[in-house]
N, C-alpha and C. Protein backbone atom coordinates (compact mmCIF):
# COMPACT_ATOMS: atom_id res chain seq x y z
N MET A 1 116.84 -70.58 -220.17
CA MET A 1 116.39 -71.24 -218.68
C MET A 1 115.54 -71.16 -218.44
N ASP A 2 114.60 -72.19 -218.35
CA ASP A 2 113.20 -72.57 -218.16
C ASP A 2 112.60 -72.22 -216.23
N LYS A 3 111.63 -71.76 -216.37
CA LYS A 3 111.43 -72.55 -214.89
C LYS A 3 112.15 -73.20 -214.30
N LYS A 4 111.27 -74.25 -214.65
CA LYS A 4 110.96 -75.11 -213.75
C LYS A 4 112.82 -75.58 -213.72
N GLU A 5 114.08 -75.39 -213.90
CA GLU A 5 115.38 -75.11 -213.71
C GLU A 5 115.25 -73.84 -212.07
N CYS A 6 115.14 -72.96 -212.29
CA CYS A 6 115.09 -71.70 -211.49
C CYS A 6 114.13 -72.14 -209.97
N THR A 7 113.04 -72.86 -210.12
CA THR A 7 112.18 -73.30 -208.97
C THR A 7 113.22 -74.42 -208.10
N PRO A 8 113.46 -74.72 -208.32
CA PRO A 8 114.37 -74.99 -206.79
C PRO A 8 115.12 -74.26 -206.65
N LYS A 9 115.73 -73.69 -207.25
CA LYS A 9 117.09 -72.70 -206.75
C LYS A 9 115.92 -71.36 -205.79
N SER A 10 114.99 -70.72 -206.32
CA SER A 10 114.22 -69.90 -205.75
C SER A 10 113.54 -70.19 -204.32
N SER A 11 113.06 -71.84 -204.25
CA SER A 11 113.11 -72.17 -203.38
C SER A 11 113.67 -72.71 -202.10
N ILE A 12 115.04 -72.26 -202.68
CA ILE A 12 116.49 -72.74 -201.22
C ILE A 12 116.31 -71.70 -201.62
N ILE A 13 116.81 -70.27 -201.83
CA ILE A 13 116.81 -69.18 -201.22
C ILE A 13 115.47 -68.84 -200.22
N SER A 14 114.57 -68.61 -201.12
CA SER A 14 113.04 -68.34 -199.93
C SER A 14 113.06 -69.44 -198.43
N ASN A 15 113.82 -70.84 -198.60
CA ASN A 15 114.06 -70.88 -197.60
C ASN A 15 115.21 -70.97 -195.99
N ILE A 16 116.14 -69.99 -197.58
CA ILE A 16 117.62 -70.02 -196.48
C ILE A 16 117.29 -68.24 -195.37
N LYS A 17 115.98 -67.65 -196.37
CA LYS A 17 116.19 -66.44 -196.08
C LYS A 17 114.75 -66.39 -195.01
N SER A 18 113.48 -66.81 -194.64
CA SER A 18 112.81 -67.62 -193.37
C SER A 18 113.46 -68.03 -192.47
N TYR A 19 114.53 -68.86 -192.47
CA TYR A 19 115.51 -69.26 -192.03
C TYR A 19 116.68 -68.39 -190.81
N LEU A 20 117.09 -67.85 -191.83
CA LEU A 20 117.68 -66.73 -191.30
C LEU A 20 116.66 -65.59 -190.81
N CYS A 21 115.72 -65.26 -191.37
CA CYS A 21 114.64 -64.30 -190.84
C CYS A 21 114.18 -64.43 -189.11
N THR A 22 114.26 -65.87 -188.78
CA THR A 22 113.77 -66.83 -188.07
C THR A 22 114.90 -66.79 -187.16
N GLU A 23 115.88 -67.31 -187.29
CA GLU A 23 117.24 -67.08 -186.35
C GLU A 23 117.71 -65.54 -185.78
N VAL A 24 117.09 -64.37 -186.59
CA VAL A 24 117.41 -63.21 -186.06
C VAL A 24 116.53 -62.34 -185.12
N LEU A 25 115.26 -62.90 -185.37
CA LEU A 25 114.09 -62.78 -184.96
C LEU A 25 114.34 -63.09 -183.17
N THR A 26 114.53 -64.38 -183.17
CA THR A 26 114.53 -65.08 -182.16
C THR A 26 115.49 -64.66 -180.77
N CYS A 27 116.94 -64.61 -182.37
CA CYS A 27 118.01 -63.99 -180.76
C CYS A 27 117.10 -62.61 -180.26
N SER A 28 116.85 -61.70 -181.89
CA SER A 28 116.16 -60.00 -180.90
C SER A 28 115.46 -60.28 -179.69
N VAL A 29 114.08 -61.64 -179.59
CA VAL A 29 112.98 -61.80 -179.06
C VAL A 29 113.81 -61.57 -178.32
N ARG A 30 114.45 -63.30 -178.05
CA ARG A 30 115.70 -63.82 -176.50
C ARG A 30 116.12 -62.11 -175.52
N GLN A 31 117.26 -62.06 -176.78
CA GLN A 31 117.39 -60.53 -176.22
C GLN A 31 116.95 -59.52 -175.24
N PHE A 32 115.19 -59.26 -175.89
CA PHE A 32 114.28 -58.52 -175.11
C PHE A 32 113.24 -59.40 -174.39
N ILE A 33 113.59 -60.24 -174.05
CA ILE A 33 112.54 -61.03 -173.05
C ILE A 33 110.31 -61.03 -173.53
N MET A 34 110.58 -61.07 -174.54
CA MET A 34 109.36 -60.94 -175.06
C MET A 34 108.55 -61.79 -175.04
N PRO A 35 107.07 -61.62 -174.14
CA PRO A 35 106.42 -62.83 -173.60
C PRO A 35 105.86 -63.48 -175.05
N ILE A 36 106.21 -64.81 -174.11
CA ILE A 36 105.07 -65.67 -175.51
C ILE A 36 104.47 -65.46 -175.50
N ARG A 37 103.17 -64.38 -175.23
CA ARG A 37 102.07 -64.68 -176.75
C ARG A 37 102.66 -63.64 -177.40
N GLU A 38 103.70 -62.06 -177.32
CA GLU A 38 104.03 -61.70 -178.27
C GLU A 38 105.01 -62.58 -179.24
N GLN A 39 105.62 -63.29 -178.54
CA GLN A 39 106.21 -64.11 -179.37
C GLN A 39 106.20 -64.72 -180.77
N LEU A 40 104.79 -65.39 -180.41
CA LEU A 40 104.05 -66.45 -181.43
C LEU A 40 102.93 -65.78 -181.89
N LYS A 41 102.74 -64.00 -181.85
CA LYS A 41 102.02 -63.29 -182.67
C LYS A 41 103.65 -62.96 -183.82
N LEU A 42 104.53 -62.27 -182.98
CA LEU A 42 105.48 -62.34 -184.37
C LEU A 42 106.22 -62.88 -185.42
N PHE A 43 105.95 -64.94 -184.82
CA PHE A 43 106.49 -65.60 -185.78
C PHE A 43 105.33 -66.10 -186.24
N ARG A 44 104.03 -65.49 -185.80
CA ARG A 44 102.81 -65.95 -186.65
C ARG A 44 102.71 -65.64 -187.93
N LYS A 45 102.96 -63.40 -188.03
CA LYS A 45 103.27 -62.55 -188.74
C LYS A 45 104.02 -63.09 -189.24
N MET A 46 104.98 -62.83 -189.15
CA MET A 46 106.67 -63.27 -190.07
C MET A 46 106.70 -64.30 -191.25
N ARG A 47 105.56 -65.56 -190.45
CA ARG A 47 105.18 -66.96 -191.66
C ARG A 47 104.14 -66.10 -192.48
N GLY A 48 103.48 -64.87 -192.13
CA GLY A 48 102.30 -64.76 -193.32
C GLY A 48 100.72 -65.37 -193.21
N ILE A 49 100.77 -65.74 -191.47
CA ILE A 49 99.45 -67.05 -191.53
C ILE A 49 98.67 -65.85 -190.04
N SER A 50 97.17 -66.52 -190.45
CA SER A 50 96.82 -65.33 -190.13
C SER A 50 96.13 -66.18 -188.84
N GLN A 51 95.34 -65.27 -187.92
CA GLN A 51 94.80 -66.50 -187.27
C GLN A 51 94.17 -67.12 -187.19
N ILE A 52 93.42 -66.99 -188.06
CA ILE A 52 91.75 -67.76 -188.53
C ILE A 52 92.77 -69.07 -188.94
N GLU A 53 94.18 -68.68 -190.38
CA GLU A 53 95.22 -70.01 -190.18
C GLU A 53 95.40 -70.77 -189.55
N LEU A 54 95.63 -70.13 -188.70
CA LEU A 54 96.03 -71.10 -187.92
C LEU A 54 95.71 -72.18 -186.79
N ALA A 55 94.49 -71.50 -186.40
CA ALA A 55 93.32 -71.97 -185.78
C ALA A 55 92.86 -73.48 -186.32
N LYS A 56 93.04 -73.08 -187.86
CA LYS A 56 91.87 -74.61 -188.67
C LYS A 56 92.58 -75.72 -188.54
N LYS A 57 94.26 -74.81 -188.42
CA LYS A 57 95.74 -76.00 -189.04
C LYS A 57 95.76 -76.48 -187.89
N LEU A 58 96.05 -75.62 -186.56
CA LEU A 58 95.81 -76.72 -185.45
C LEU A 58 94.55 -77.30 -185.14
N ASP A 59 93.08 -77.37 -185.16
CA ASP A 59 92.27 -77.85 -185.23
C ASP A 59 91.66 -76.62 -183.47
N MET A 60 91.83 -75.54 -183.53
CA MET A 60 91.61 -74.66 -182.80
C MET A 60 89.76 -73.80 -183.50
N SER A 61 89.94 -73.43 -182.17
CA SER A 61 88.88 -72.03 -182.66
C SER A 61 89.80 -70.61 -183.01
N HIS A 62 89.04 -70.14 -183.68
CA HIS A 62 89.97 -68.19 -183.85
C HIS A 62 90.16 -67.43 -182.39
N ASP A 63 89.22 -67.86 -181.31
CA ASP A 63 88.58 -67.03 -180.75
C ASP A 63 90.20 -67.75 -179.33
N GLN A 64 90.50 -68.73 -179.33
CA GLN A 64 91.91 -69.63 -178.23
C GLN A 64 92.91 -68.87 -179.34
N ILE A 65 93.26 -68.88 -180.10
CA ILE A 65 94.71 -68.34 -180.66
C ILE A 65 94.20 -66.64 -179.73
N SER A 66 93.56 -66.18 -180.75
CA SER A 66 93.20 -64.93 -180.56
C SER A 66 94.00 -64.41 -178.95
N GLN A 67 92.96 -65.26 -177.65
CA GLN A 67 92.93 -65.08 -176.55
C GLN A 67 94.81 -65.78 -176.12
N ILE A 68 95.29 -66.44 -176.48
CA ILE A 68 96.53 -66.80 -176.54
C ILE A 68 97.81 -65.41 -176.56
N GLU A 69 97.44 -64.58 -177.75
CA GLU A 69 98.34 -63.86 -178.32
C GLU A 69 97.69 -62.45 -177.34
N ARG A 70 96.66 -62.45 -176.99
CA ARG A 70 96.35 -61.22 -176.39
C ARG A 70 97.08 -61.98 -174.48
N GLY A 71 97.13 -62.69 -174.17
CA GLY A 71 97.59 -62.82 -172.69
C GLY A 71 95.92 -63.02 -171.52
N VAL A 72 94.96 -63.64 -172.70
CA VAL A 72 93.63 -63.51 -172.21
C VAL A 72 94.20 -64.74 -171.32
N SER A 73 93.93 -66.35 -172.06
CA SER A 73 95.01 -67.73 -171.34
C SER A 73 95.93 -67.75 -172.19
N ASN A 74 96.75 -68.09 -171.53
CA ASN A 74 97.68 -69.58 -171.46
C ASN A 74 97.62 -70.50 -172.51
N PRO A 75 98.89 -70.46 -173.40
CA PRO A 75 98.52 -72.08 -173.62
C PRO A 75 98.85 -73.31 -172.94
N GLY A 76 98.50 -74.50 -172.31
CA GLY A 76 98.98 -75.63 -172.55
C GLY A 76 100.42 -75.80 -172.89
N GLN A 77 101.07 -76.94 -172.12
CA GLN A 77 102.50 -77.27 -172.77
C GLN A 77 101.42 -78.22 -174.02
N ALA A 78 100.51 -78.54 -174.90
CA ALA A 78 100.51 -79.34 -175.99
C ALA A 78 100.12 -78.76 -176.78
N THR A 79 99.52 -77.53 -176.41
CA THR A 79 99.50 -76.48 -176.94
C THR A 79 100.13 -75.28 -177.26
N LEU A 80 101.16 -75.76 -177.12
CA LEU A 80 101.99 -74.36 -176.94
C LEU A 80 102.79 -75.27 -177.75
N GLU A 81 103.54 -76.89 -177.85
CA GLU A 81 103.99 -77.73 -178.59
C GLU A 81 103.35 -77.76 -179.89
N LYS A 82 102.13 -77.43 -180.12
CA LYS A 82 101.06 -77.62 -181.67
C LYS A 82 101.58 -76.24 -182.59
N ILE A 83 101.62 -75.35 -181.45
CA ILE A 83 101.68 -73.67 -181.91
C ILE A 83 103.32 -73.37 -182.39
N CYS A 84 104.24 -73.98 -182.05
CA CYS A 84 105.27 -73.97 -181.99
C CYS A 84 105.70 -75.11 -182.63
N LYS A 85 105.32 -75.90 -183.66
CA LYS A 85 106.05 -76.75 -184.90
C LYS A 85 104.89 -76.06 -186.34
N GLU A 86 103.59 -75.39 -185.85
CA GLU A 86 102.88 -74.83 -186.91
C GLU A 86 104.14 -73.99 -187.82
N LEU A 87 104.17 -73.26 -186.82
CA LEU A 87 104.76 -72.11 -187.23
C LEU A 87 106.67 -72.18 -187.81
N GLY A 88 107.12 -73.84 -186.48
CA GLY A 88 108.58 -74.06 -187.53
C GLY A 88 109.30 -73.07 -186.34
N LEU A 89 109.09 -73.29 -185.36
CA LEU A 89 109.79 -72.95 -184.03
C LEU A 89 110.74 -74.01 -182.64
N GLU A 90 111.04 -74.49 -182.45
CA GLU A 90 111.86 -75.17 -181.48
C GLU A 90 111.04 -74.46 -180.06
N GLN A 91 110.29 -75.58 -179.44
CA GLN A 91 109.69 -74.96 -178.21
C GLN A 91 110.71 -73.90 -177.29
N LYS A 92 111.76 -74.71 -177.16
CA LYS A 92 112.82 -74.10 -176.15
C LYS A 92 113.72 -73.39 -176.52
N LEU A 93 112.87 -72.31 -177.91
CA LEU A 93 113.43 -70.87 -178.22
C LEU A 93 112.81 -70.30 -177.57
N VAL A 94 111.98 -70.58 -178.14
CA VAL A 94 110.30 -69.96 -177.57
C VAL A 94 110.16 -69.47 -175.70
N LEU A 95 110.66 -71.18 -175.13
CA LEU A 95 110.20 -70.42 -173.54
C LEU A 95 112.21 -69.83 -172.94
N LYS A 96 113.43 -69.14 -173.38
CA LYS A 96 113.62 -68.84 -172.92
C LYS A 96 113.93 -67.47 -172.46
């Protein structure tokens, strides 16, 4: 069996693990009513994305991401949508 045959299966398994992890964490986060800023930080870290990487992908500054995660500033609706989309989250789940 060569690596080319294994790659799609590995990718599928990785996607399933990521999905399940997200679902379990989403339920846990909602259960404990974690503030949005903490949810975003948790999911960003779960995805293995740094604040700097996320900021670059969203065309924002690192300081903006940091301020949101620390609760210094609250993201607007459009910003929250962009962050959720980039982290692969449904915004309605974060806001519950």
